[in-house]
N, C-alpha and C. Protein backbone atom coordinates (compact mmCIF):
# COMPACT_ATOMS: atom_id res chain seq x y z
N HIS A 1 0.78 -1.31 0.22
CA HIS A 1 0.07 0.15 -0.03
C HIS A 1 1.03 1.19 -0.07
N PRO A 2 0.39 2.17 -0.46
CA PRO A 2 1.23 3.54 -0.45
C PRO A 2 1.83 3.92 0.81
N THR A 3 2.94 4.20 0.94
CA THR A 3 3.77 4.28 2.21
C THR A 3 4.76 5.54 2.02
N GLU A 4 4.86 6.49 3.17
CA GLU A 4 5.66 7.46 3.13
C GLU A 4 6.91 7.16 4.02
N PHE A 5 7.96 7.59 3.66
CA PHE A 5 9.26 7.23 4.45
C PHE A 5 10.09 8.31 4.97
N THR A 6 10.96 8.47 5.76
CA THR A 6 11.68 9.16 6.23
C THR A 6 13.18 8.39 6.83
N TYR A 7 14.18 8.97 6.99
CA TYR A 7 15.39 8.22 7.66
C TYR A 7 16.11 9.07 8.45
N GLN A 8 17.16 8.52 9.34
CA GLN A 8 17.98 9.56 9.87
C GLN A 8 19.06 8.73 9.83
N LEU A 9 20.42 9.49 9.43
CA LEU A 9 21.85 8.84 9.40
C LEU A 9 22.65 9.57 10.76
N SER A 10 22.94 8.85 11.60
CA SER A 10 24.09 9.32 12.68
C SER A 10 25.31 8.60 12.90
N LYS A 11 26.26 9.42 12.95
CA LYS A 11 27.50 8.56 13.53
C LYS A 11 27.56 7.81 14.78
N LEU A 12 28.08 6.63 15.07
CA LEU A 12 28.31 6.04 16.27
C LEU A 12 29.44 6.57 16.76
N GLN A 13 29.40 6.84 18.20
CA GLN A 13 30.36 7.15 18.84
C GLN A 13 30.76 6.01 19.91
N GLY A 14 31.28 5.06 19.74
CA GLY A 14 31.39 3.78 20.21
C GLY A 14 30.30 3.21 20.25
N THR A 15 29.47 2.92 21.39
CA THR A 15 28.07 2.17 21.31
C THR A 15 26.99 3.15 21.21
N VAL A 16 27.43 4.47 21.41
CA VAL A 16 26.33 5.46 21.46
C VAL A 16 26.21 6.14 20.09
N THR A 17 24.84 6.52 19.79
CA THR A 17 24.52 7.34 18.87
C THR A 17 24.50 8.62 18.83
N GLY A 18 25.19 9.11 17.77
CA GLY A 18 25.80 10.53 18.12
C GLY A 18 24.46 11.43 17.52
N GLU A 19 24.95 12.63 17.08
CA GLU A 19 24.10 13.57 16.32
C GLU A 19 23.73 13.12 14.70
N ASP A 20 22.51 13.57 14.48
CA ASP A 20 21.97 13.15 12.83
C ASP A 20 22.74 13.99 12.25
N VAL A 21 23.34 13.45 11.03
CA VAL A 21 24.29 14.33 10.10
C VAL A 21 23.50 15.07 9.15
N GLY A 22 22.27 15.10 9.10
CA GLY A 22 21.40 15.70 8.15
C GLY A 22 21.13 15.11 6.88
N THR A 23 20.39 15.84 5.95
CA THR A 23 19.82 15.50 4.75
C THR A 23 20.70 15.45 3.44
N ALA A 24 21.95 16.35 3.96
CA ALA A 24 23.01 16.57 2.93
C ALA A 24 24.00 15.53 2.73
N HIS A 25 23.61 14.30 3.25
CA HIS A 25 24.32 13.15 3.21
C HIS A 25 23.80 11.69 2.73
N GLY A 26 22.56 12.10 2.00
CA GLY A 26 21.96 10.94 1.59
C GLY A 26 20.69 11.47 0.67
N MET A 27 20.53 10.59 0.10
CA MET A 27 19.33 10.69 -1.00
C MET A 27 18.19 9.43 -1.03
N MET A 28 16.89 9.99 -0.87
CA MET A 28 16.13 9.06 -0.90
C MET A 28 14.88 9.15 -1.94
N THR A 29 14.69 8.01 -2.62
CA THR A 29 13.66 8.06 -3.73
C THR A 29 12.74 7.07 -3.34
N VAL A 30 11.81 7.55 -3.67
CA VAL A 30 10.66 6.77 -3.51
C VAL A 30 9.48 6.37 -4.47
N SER A 31 9.31 5.05 -5.05
CA SER A 31 8.45 4.91 -6.26
C SER A 31 7.24 4.22 -5.54
N GLU A 32 6.28 3.81 -6.53
CA GLU A 32 5.00 3.30 -6.20
C GLU A 32 5.09 2.06 -5.23
N ASN A 33 6.16 1.26 -5.62
CA ASN A 33 6.65 -0.12 -4.69
C ASN A 33 7.61 -0.25 -3.98
N SER A 34 8.54 0.90 -4.04
CA SER A 34 10.10 0.70 -3.18
C SER A 34 10.32 2.14 -2.91
N VAL A 35 11.56 1.76 -1.99
CA VAL A 35 12.55 3.03 -1.41
C VAL A 35 13.72 2.69 -1.55
N THR A 36 14.42 3.63 -1.91
CA THR A 36 15.87 3.55 -2.57
C THR A 36 16.53 4.39 -1.70
N ILE A 37 17.22 4.55 -0.49
CA ILE A 37 18.26 5.54 -0.09
C ILE A 37 19.58 5.12 -0.22
N LYS A 38 20.27 6.12 -0.66
CA LYS A 38 21.65 6.30 -1.04
C LYS A 38 22.32 7.05 0.18
N VAL A 39 23.56 6.62 0.60
CA VAL A 39 24.14 7.28 1.93
C VAL A 39 25.63 7.77 1.44
N ILE A 40 25.58 8.94 1.68
CA ILE A 40 27.17 9.60 1.56
C ILE A 40 27.58 9.77 2.93
N PRO A 41 28.22 9.23 3.66
CA PRO A 41 28.66 9.53 5.05
C PRO A 41 29.94 10.77 4.91
N PRO A 42 29.83 11.57 5.61
CA PRO A 42 30.70 12.97 5.92
C PRO A 42 32.24 12.50 5.99
N ALA A 43 32.12 11.49 7.09
CA ALA A 43 33.89 11.03 7.53
C ALA A 43 33.86 9.76 7.52
N LYS A 44 35.05 9.11 7.77
CA LYS A 44 35.40 7.64 8.16
C LYS A 44 34.57 7.47 9.39
N GLY A 45 34.10 6.08 9.16
CA GLY A 45 33.60 5.72 10.90
C GLY A 45 32.42 4.90 10.62
N LEU A 46 31.71 4.50 11.85
CA LEU A 46 30.52 3.80 11.83
C LEU A 46 29.30 4.54 11.89
N TYR A 47 28.47 4.45 11.32
CA TYR A 47 27.06 5.12 11.14
C TYR A 47 25.90 4.25 11.33
N ASP A 48 24.88 4.97 11.97
CA ASP A 48 23.56 4.09 12.15
C ASP A 48 22.50 5.02 11.31
N LEU A 49 22.22 4.06 10.21
CA LEU A 49 20.77 4.37 9.26
C LEU A 49 19.63 3.75 9.76
N MET A 50 18.53 4.76 10.23
CA MET A 50 17.33 4.54 11.04
C MET A 50 16.31 4.85 9.74
N ILE A 51 15.25 4.00 9.45
CA ILE A 51 14.43 4.19 8.50
C ILE A 51 12.86 4.02 8.98
N PHE A 52 12.24 5.17 9.08
CA PHE A 52 11.03 5.12 9.36
C PHE A 52 9.75 5.24 8.20
N ALA A 53 8.68 4.79 8.59
CA ALA A 53 7.49 4.97 7.63
C ALA A 53 6.27 5.08 8.33
N ARG A 54 5.18 5.44 7.66
CA ARG A 54 3.97 5.34 7.87
C ARG A 54 2.90 5.42 6.73
N HIS A 55 1.41 5.23 6.84
CA HIS A 55 0.56 4.86 5.57
C HIS A 55 0.78 6.42 5.13
N ALA A 56 0.77 6.39 3.57
CA ALA A 56 0.71 7.59 3.08
C ALA A 56 -0.63 8.44 3.20
N ASP A 57 -0.58 9.81 3.30
CA ASP A 57 -1.30 10.75 3.68
C ASP A 57 -1.94 10.50 5.12
N SER A 58 -1.04 9.99 6.23
CA SER A 58 -1.52 10.14 7.46
C SER A 58 -0.66 11.01 7.92
N LEU A 59 -1.44 11.40 9.02
CA LEU A 59 -0.78 12.53 10.16
C LEU A 59 -0.08 12.02 11.28
N ASP A 60 -0.28 10.47 11.34
CA ASP A 60 0.43 9.81 12.51
C ASP A 60 2.06 9.91 12.33
N PRO A 61 2.77 9.95 13.59
CA PRO A 61 4.00 10.01 13.54
C PRO A 61 4.55 8.86 12.85
N TYR A 62 5.96 8.85 12.22
CA TYR A 62 6.51 7.90 11.54
C TYR A 62 7.01 6.95 12.55
N ASN A 63 6.74 5.39 12.02
CA ASN A 63 7.33 4.59 12.84
C ASN A 63 8.30 4.05 12.43
N TRP A 64 9.51 3.60 13.41
CA TRP A 64 10.52 2.98 13.02
C TRP A 64 10.42 1.59 12.41
N VAL A 65 10.97 1.48 11.41
CA VAL A 65 10.75 -0.03 10.58
C VAL A 65 12.12 -0.81 10.75
N CYS A 66 13.31 -0.37 10.50
CA CYS A 66 14.39 -1.34 10.82
C CYS A 66 15.88 -0.14 10.66
N SER A 67 16.83 -0.61 10.86
CA SER A 67 18.05 -0.20 11.11
C SER A 67 19.10 -0.82 10.14
N TYR A 68 20.04 0.17 9.69
CA TYR A 68 21.36 -0.52 9.45
C TYR A 68 22.74 -0.08 9.88
N GLN A 69 23.85 -0.77 10.16
CA GLN A 69 24.93 0.13 10.61
C GLN A 69 25.60 -0.01 9.43
N ILE A 70 26.34 1.16 9.05
CA ILE A 70 27.19 1.07 7.95
C ILE A 70 28.55 1.68 8.18
N LEU A 71 29.46 0.86 7.82
CA LEU A 71 31.12 1.20 8.11
C LEU A 71 31.53 2.03 6.90
N CYS A 72 32.06 3.12 6.75
CA CYS A 72 32.43 4.03 5.86
C CYS A 72 34.03 3.83 6.01
N LEU A 73 34.67 3.36 5.04
CA LEU A 73 36.02 3.28 4.97
C LEU A 73 36.70 4.39 4.50
N GLU A 74 35.92 4.93 3.60
CA GLU A 74 36.77 6.01 2.74
C GLU A 74 35.55 7.17 2.51
N PRO A 75 35.78 8.46 2.83
CA PRO A 75 34.59 9.20 2.72
C PRO A 75 34.65 9.85 1.21
N ARG A 76 33.29 10.30 0.63
CA ARG A 76 33.62 10.69 -0.58
C ARG A 76 33.96 12.11 -0.48
N SER A 77 35.09 12.37 -1.30
CA SER A 77 35.27 13.91 -1.03
C SER A 77 34.66 14.70 -2.07
N GLY A 78 34.23 16.03 -1.78
CA GLY A 78 33.72 17.01 -2.52
C GLY A 78 32.46 17.57 -2.04
N GLU A 79 31.60 18.50 -2.65
CA GLU A 79 30.83 19.35 -2.25
C GLU A 79 29.84 18.27 -1.43
N ALA A 80 29.18 18.83 -0.23
CA ALA A 80 27.92 18.04 0.15
C ALA A 80 26.77 18.34 -0.83
N LEU A 81 25.59 17.72 -0.67
CA LEU A 81 24.37 17.86 -1.66
C LEU A 81 23.51 18.79 -0.56
N PRO A 82 22.70 19.62 -1.33
CA PRO A 82 21.97 20.57 -0.81
C PRO A 82 21.15 20.07 0.27
N GLU A 83 20.62 20.59 1.53
CA GLU A 83 19.81 20.29 2.46
C GLU A 83 18.47 19.98 1.64
N ILE A 84 17.53 19.16 1.98
CA ILE A 84 16.34 18.98 1.61
C ILE A 84 15.27 18.48 2.68
N PRO A 85 14.41 19.61 2.66
CA PRO A 85 13.29 19.43 3.85
C PRO A 85 12.07 18.81 3.41
N PHE A 86 12.14 17.89 2.10
CA PHE A 86 10.85 17.22 1.78
C PHE A 86 10.93 15.62 1.84
N HIS A 87 12.17 15.15 2.31
CA HIS A 87 12.37 13.99 2.55
C HIS A 87 12.43 12.91 1.32
N PHE A 88 12.57 13.52 0.11
CA PHE A 88 12.67 12.75 -0.97
C PHE A 88 13.50 13.41 -2.29
N TRP A 89 13.96 12.67 -2.96
CA TRP A 89 14.40 13.24 -4.19
C TRP A 89 13.73 12.69 -5.44
N GLY A 90 13.46 13.31 -6.65
CA GLY A 90 12.87 12.81 -7.74
C GLY A 90 11.58 13.13 -7.65
N LEU A 91 10.73 12.38 -8.31
CA LEU A 91 9.37 12.44 -8.30
C LEU A 91 8.52 12.16 -7.23
N HIS A 92 7.54 12.86 -6.69
CA HIS A 92 6.70 12.33 -5.54
C HIS A 92 6.30 10.99 -6.06
N GLN A 93 5.87 9.78 -4.91
CA GLN A 93 5.22 8.60 -5.37
C GLN A 93 3.89 8.90 -6.00
N LYS A 94 3.04 9.86 -5.57
CA LYS A 94 1.82 10.21 -6.03
C LYS A 94 1.67 11.18 -6.84
N VAL A 95 2.80 11.49 -7.87
CA VAL A 95 2.56 12.60 -8.86
C VAL A 95 1.59 12.71 -9.71
N ARG A 96 1.10 11.34 -10.10
CA ARG A 96 -0.11 11.39 -10.75
C ARG A 96 -1.26 11.99 -10.27
N ASP A 97 -1.52 11.68 -8.87
CA ASP A 97 -2.64 12.00 -8.32
C ASP A 97 -2.51 13.73 -8.24
N PHE A 98 -1.41 14.46 -8.38
CA PHE A 98 -1.17 15.91 -8.21
C PHE A 98 -1.42 16.43 -9.95
N GLY A 99 -1.53 15.51 -10.75
CA GLY A 99 -1.89 16.11 -12.10
C GLY A 99 -0.66 15.99 -12.79
N ILE A 100 0.36 15.33 -12.63
CA ILE A 100 1.45 15.43 -13.53
C ILE A 100 1.71 13.87 -14.10
N GLU A 101 1.76 13.98 -15.34
CA GLU A 101 1.89 12.47 -16.18
C GLU A 101 3.36 12.14 -16.46
N GLU A 102 4.38 13.05 -16.65
CA GLU A 102 5.47 12.79 -17.28
C GLU A 102 6.39 13.83 -17.02
N SER A 103 7.49 13.46 -16.51
CA SER A 103 8.70 14.71 -16.72
C SER A 103 9.87 14.36 -17.63
N SER A 104 10.39 15.64 -18.00
CA SER A 104 11.42 15.35 -19.12
C SER A 104 12.56 14.47 -18.53
N TYR A 105 13.02 14.55 -17.30
CA TYR A 105 13.76 13.62 -16.50
C TYR A 105 13.25 12.85 -15.66
N LYS A 106 14.05 11.45 -15.64
CA LYS A 106 13.38 10.30 -15.17
C LYS A 106 13.90 10.23 -13.72
N GLY A 107 15.36 10.57 -13.49
CA GLY A 107 15.87 10.04 -12.30
C GLY A 107 15.76 11.33 -11.43
N GLU A 108 16.79 11.26 -10.25
CA GLU A 108 16.80 12.37 -9.27
C GLU A 108 17.94 13.34 -9.71
N LEU A 109 19.16 13.07 -10.54
CA LEU A 109 20.11 13.52 -10.55
C LEU A 109 20.36 14.27 -12.03
N LEU A 110 20.13 15.35 -12.55
CA LEU A 110 20.36 15.87 -13.62
C LEU A 110 21.85 16.79 -13.52
N VAL A 111 22.40 16.66 -14.86
CA VAL A 111 23.68 17.12 -15.14
C VAL A 111 23.49 18.35 -16.10
N ALA A 112 23.89 19.59 -15.71
CA ALA A 112 23.98 20.80 -16.72
C ALA A 112 25.47 21.03 -16.78
N PRO A 113 25.84 20.60 -17.84
CA PRO A 113 27.30 20.49 -18.35
C PRO A 113 27.70 22.24 -18.59
N GLN A 114 26.78 23.13 -19.12
CA GLN A 114 27.07 24.35 -19.60
C GLN A 114 26.41 25.43 -18.61
N GLY A 115 25.55 24.73 -17.72
CA GLY A 115 24.85 25.50 -16.80
C GLY A 115 23.70 25.95 -17.01
N THR A 116 23.11 25.31 -17.97
CA THR A 116 21.47 25.58 -18.24
C THR A 116 20.73 24.19 -18.52
N LEU A 117 19.53 24.28 -18.27
CA LEU A 117 18.66 23.10 -18.17
C LEU A 117 17.29 23.52 -18.46
N LEU A 118 16.61 22.62 -18.99
CA LEU A 118 15.15 22.90 -19.25
C LEU A 118 14.14 21.74 -18.92
N LEU A 119 13.51 21.96 -17.85
CA LEU A 119 12.56 20.84 -17.20
C LEU A 119 11.42 21.04 -17.60
N THR A 120 10.76 19.91 -18.25
CA THR A 120 9.26 19.92 -18.84
C THR A 120 8.56 19.01 -18.05
N LEU A 121 7.21 19.32 -17.85
CA LEU A 121 6.40 18.25 -17.15
C LEU A 121 5.10 18.17 -17.72
N ARG A 122 4.72 17.08 -18.34
CA ARG A 122 3.50 16.86 -19.17
C ARG A 122 2.51 16.63 -17.98
N THR A 123 1.18 17.68 -18.08
CA THR A 123 0.10 17.36 -16.99
C THR A 123 -1.11 16.71 -17.82
N SER A 124 -2.07 16.23 -16.63
CA SER A 124 -3.24 15.54 -17.25
C SER A 124 -4.33 16.76 -16.97
N ARG A 125 -4.04 17.86 -16.35
CA ARG A 125 -4.89 19.13 -15.94
C ARG A 125 -4.25 20.35 -15.97
N PRO A 126 -4.72 21.58 -16.05
CA PRO A 126 -4.47 22.54 -15.86
C PRO A 126 -4.18 22.90 -14.60
N LEU A 127 -2.43 23.26 -14.35
CA LEU A 127 -1.83 23.53 -13.05
C LEU A 127 -1.19 24.72 -13.07
N LEU A 128 -1.00 25.17 -11.66
CA LEU A 128 -0.23 26.39 -11.46
C LEU A 128 0.92 25.60 -10.88
N ALA A 129 2.17 26.33 -11.26
CA ALA A 129 3.48 25.83 -10.40
C ALA A 129 4.42 26.77 -9.73
N SER A 130 5.13 26.51 -8.65
CA SER A 130 5.93 27.26 -8.42
C SER A 130 7.25 26.67 -8.22
N TYR A 131 8.48 27.37 -8.12
CA TYR A 131 10.08 26.33 -8.26
C TYR A 131 10.63 27.23 -7.35
N GLU A 132 11.65 26.21 -6.68
CA GLU A 132 12.56 26.79 -5.79
C GLU A 132 13.78 26.47 -5.89
N LEU A 133 14.88 27.19 -6.29
CA LEU A 133 16.36 26.77 -6.64
C LEU A 133 17.03 26.97 -5.26
N VAL A 134 17.79 26.04 -5.02
CA VAL A 134 18.67 26.26 -3.81
C VAL A 134 20.15 25.64 -4.06
N ASN A 135 21.36 26.61 -3.72
CA ASN A 135 22.64 26.40 -4.08
C ASN A 135 23.50 27.20 -2.67
N LYS A 136 24.47 26.58 -2.25
CA LYS A 136 25.00 26.92 -1.24
C LYS A 136 25.72 28.42 -1.27
N ASP A 137 25.77 28.90 -2.48
CA ASP A 137 26.36 30.36 -2.64
C ASP A 137 25.31 31.30 -3.45
N LEU A 138 24.07 30.68 -3.44
CA LEU A 138 22.94 31.37 -4.08
C LEU A 138 22.07 32.10 -3.16
N ASP A 139 21.65 33.40 -3.28
CA ASP A 139 20.95 33.82 -2.20
C ASP A 139 19.52 33.71 -2.94
N SER A 140 18.46 34.33 -2.15
CA SER A 140 16.91 34.00 -2.57
C SER A 140 16.63 35.04 -3.88
N THR A 141 17.22 36.28 -3.74
CA THR A 141 17.25 37.28 -4.81
C THR A 141 17.72 36.79 -6.16
N LEU A 142 19.07 36.26 -6.28
CA LEU A 142 19.49 35.90 -7.32
C LEU A 142 18.97 34.60 -7.71
N SER A 143 18.25 33.87 -6.87
CA SER A 143 17.95 32.27 -7.36
C SER A 143 16.53 32.59 -7.90
N LYS A 144 15.69 33.56 -7.85
CA LYS A 144 14.43 33.90 -8.56
C LYS A 144 14.81 34.28 -9.75
N LYS A 145 15.98 35.20 -10.23
CA LYS A 145 16.61 35.48 -11.67
C LYS A 145 17.08 34.34 -12.47
N CYS A 146 17.23 32.87 -11.56
CA CYS A 146 17.74 32.00 -12.35
C CYS A 146 16.54 31.17 -12.78
N LEU A 147 15.46 31.57 -12.51
CA LEU A 147 14.56 30.77 -12.85
C LEU A 147 13.47 31.45 -13.99
N ALA A 148 12.93 31.08 -15.00
CA ALA A 148 12.04 31.16 -15.85
C ALA A 148 11.07 30.22 -16.13
N ALA A 149 9.83 30.31 -15.60
CA ALA A 149 8.83 29.37 -15.67
C ALA A 149 7.80 29.59 -16.82
N GLN A 150 7.15 28.80 -17.30
CA GLN A 150 5.83 28.75 -18.14
C GLN A 150 4.94 27.97 -18.00
N ALA A 151 3.70 28.17 -18.08
CA ALA A 151 2.29 27.17 -18.11
C ALA A 151 1.86 27.17 -19.20
N GLU A 152 1.62 26.04 -19.92
CA GLU A 152 0.88 25.84 -21.06
C GLU A 152 -0.10 25.16 -20.93
N HIS A 153 -0.88 24.83 -22.02
CA HIS A 153 -2.01 23.71 -21.55
C HIS A 153 -1.58 22.32 -21.71
N LYS A 154 -1.68 21.58 -20.74
CA LYS A 154 -0.91 20.08 -20.17
C LYS A 154 0.47 20.33 -20.35
N LYS A 155 1.07 21.30 -19.95
CA LYS A 155 2.73 21.46 -20.06
C LYS A 155 2.91 22.30 -19.33
N LEU A 156 4.03 22.32 -18.17
CA LEU A 156 4.62 23.03 -17.50
C LEU A 156 6.36 23.25 -17.71
N SER A 157 6.80 24.18 -17.88
CA SER A 157 8.26 24.29 -18.24
C SER A 157 8.88 25.18 -17.36
N CYS A 158 10.34 24.89 -17.19
CA CYS A 158 11.27 25.87 -16.10
C CYS A 158 12.72 25.73 -16.64
N HIS A 159 12.91 26.99 -17.01
CA HIS A 159 14.54 27.23 -17.49
C HIS A 159 15.20 27.62 -16.61
N VAL A 160 16.51 26.81 -16.26
CA VAL A 160 17.15 26.76 -15.05
C VAL A 160 18.45 27.47 -15.43
N LEU A 161 19.38 28.57 -15.00
CA LEU A 161 20.52 28.75 -14.94
C LEU A 161 21.27 29.03 -13.64
N CYS A 162 22.40 28.11 -13.75
CA CYS A 162 23.44 27.88 -12.81
C CYS A 162 24.50 28.78 -12.79
N PRO A 163 24.60 29.79 -11.97
CA PRO A 163 25.71 30.72 -11.81
C PRO A 163 27.30 30.31 -11.29
N PHE A 164 26.73 28.99 -10.37
CA PHE A 164 27.87 28.68 -9.85
C PHE A 164 27.90 27.04 -9.83
N GLN A 165 29.43 26.88 -10.08
CA GLN A 165 29.61 25.21 -10.33
C GLN A 165 29.37 24.55 -8.98
N GLY A 166 28.63 23.47 -8.98
CA GLY A 166 28.27 22.63 -7.78
C GLY A 166 26.77 22.01 -7.91
N TYR A 167 26.30 21.65 -6.58
CA TYR A 167 24.93 21.20 -6.52
C TYR A 167 23.96 21.86 -6.36
N TYR A 168 22.86 21.91 -7.12
CA TYR A 168 21.42 22.73 -6.74
C TYR A 168 20.31 21.62 -6.19
N ARG A 169 19.49 22.12 -5.74
CA ARG A 169 18.25 21.66 -5.34
C ARG A 169 17.02 22.46 -6.19
N LEU A 170 16.49 21.61 -7.01
CA LEU A 170 15.37 22.26 -8.02
C LEU A 170 14.11 21.44 -7.48
N SER A 171 13.32 22.48 -6.45
CA SER A 171 12.19 21.73 -6.06
C SER A 171 10.94 22.33 -6.85
N VAL A 172 9.95 21.24 -7.00
CA VAL A 172 8.60 21.89 -7.93
C VAL A 172 7.33 21.62 -7.24
N PHE A 173 6.66 22.75 -7.03
CA PHE A 173 5.30 22.76 -6.44
C PHE A 173 4.18 23.22 -7.31
N VAL A 174 3.17 22.23 -7.08
CA VAL A 174 1.74 22.46 -8.11
C VAL A 174 0.66 22.63 -7.27
N LYS A 175 -0.38 23.11 -7.84
CA LYS A 175 -1.71 23.02 -7.47
C LYS A 175 -2.61 23.22 -8.49
N ASP A 176 -3.74 22.74 -8.14
CA ASP A 176 -4.82 22.95 -9.41
C ASP A 176 -5.23 24.52 -9.46
N LEU A 177 -5.80 25.03 -10.62
CA LEU A 177 -6.45 26.31 -10.59
C LEU A 177 -7.54 26.46 -9.70
N GLY A 178 -7.40 27.42 -8.82
CA GLY A 178 -8.59 27.56 -7.87
C GLY A 178 -7.97 26.85 -6.48
N GLY A 179 -7.01 26.31 -6.52
CA GLY A 179 -6.75 25.20 -5.46
C GLY A 179 -6.03 26.31 -4.01
N THR A 180 -5.93 25.91 -3.14
CA THR A 180 -5.70 26.74 -1.74
C THR A 180 -4.30 26.63 -1.65
N SER A 181 -3.59 25.47 -1.88
CA SER A 181 -2.08 25.41 -1.14
C SER A 181 -1.25 24.41 -2.64
N PHE A 182 0.21 25.09 -2.65
CA PHE A 182 0.86 24.16 -3.50
C PHE A 182 1.70 23.04 -2.54
N ARG A 183 1.65 21.99 -3.72
CA ARG A 183 2.20 20.79 -2.69
C ARG A 183 3.51 20.37 -3.53
N ASN A 184 4.64 20.20 -2.85
CA ASN A 184 5.77 19.54 -3.10
C ASN A 184 5.48 18.13 -4.03
N THR A 185 5.76 18.47 -5.42
CA THR A 185 5.74 17.18 -6.38
C THR A 185 7.14 16.52 -6.81
N ALA A 186 8.05 17.54 -6.89
CA ALA A 186 9.43 16.96 -7.14
C ALA A 186 10.67 17.60 -6.61
N ASN A 187 11.99 16.93 -6.29
CA ASN A 187 12.95 17.80 -5.97
C ASN A 187 14.25 17.05 -7.03
N PHE A 188 14.43 17.67 -7.64
CA PHE A 188 15.65 17.42 -8.36
C PHE A 188 17.07 17.91 -7.99
N LEU A 189 18.20 17.03 -7.99
CA LEU A 189 19.31 17.54 -7.70
C LEU A 189 20.12 17.75 -9.18
N ILE A 190 20.45 18.94 -9.11
CA ILE A 190 21.39 19.24 -10.54
C ILE A 190 22.78 19.72 -9.97
N ARG A 191 23.63 18.88 -10.94
CA ARG A 191 24.96 19.15 -10.76
C ARG A 191 25.48 19.86 -12.13
N CYS A 192 26.02 21.35 -11.58
CA CYS A 192 26.41 22.10 -12.59
C CYS A 192 28.03 21.99 -12.92
N LEU A 193 28.33 21.61 -14.12
CA LEU A 193 29.95 21.18 -14.33
C LEU A 193 30.53 22.56 -14.91
N GLY A 194 29.81 23.47 -15.63
CA GLY A 194 30.20 24.86 -16.15
C GLY A 194 29.23 25.85 -16.12
N PRO A 195 29.15 26.80 -15.01
CA PRO A 195 28.29 27.76 -14.91
C PRO A 195 28.08 28.41 -15.92
N VAL A 196 27.04 29.51 -15.79
CA VAL A 196 26.85 30.56 -16.82
C VAL A 196 27.47 31.47 -16.55
């Protein structure tokens, strides 16, 4: 049945679980029938990965499902991923219910070799969309200037400009015409190789 997930990655200090290392060190993608969690520990050592779940659309607290201990022998060097407050990367598992039929990108990682990207979403009904672009060097004023969005009949598109090299989070929010609130529909990780 449809299930929502979240997780917590913590560094183990001997036998004691330490602080949560945050969402910048993992990527969770959820499909209709599965969940995938990729973990990128920030340093060498032993980590505790706790996975929590609840029924979709439930307001009940998440229940602990299982835990894994992960031994990181050599940390991945490079920039940390952007923090993500929405618990998942890629398309939301109920994206069709939100009115999105298809995305021009299938995975959670998009590469922008020249610092530009065009995201298109095919819709089943007229929708309004809002977008959020986040990068460690990008302030909110410049972020708004890096996005150009358009809504057409059964299609949403967003042109993205990346002014800095590194990782970005592009979050998509949609609502029906006359709807009261936007819902987070997708979160894409963009890797910019050559900034604009």
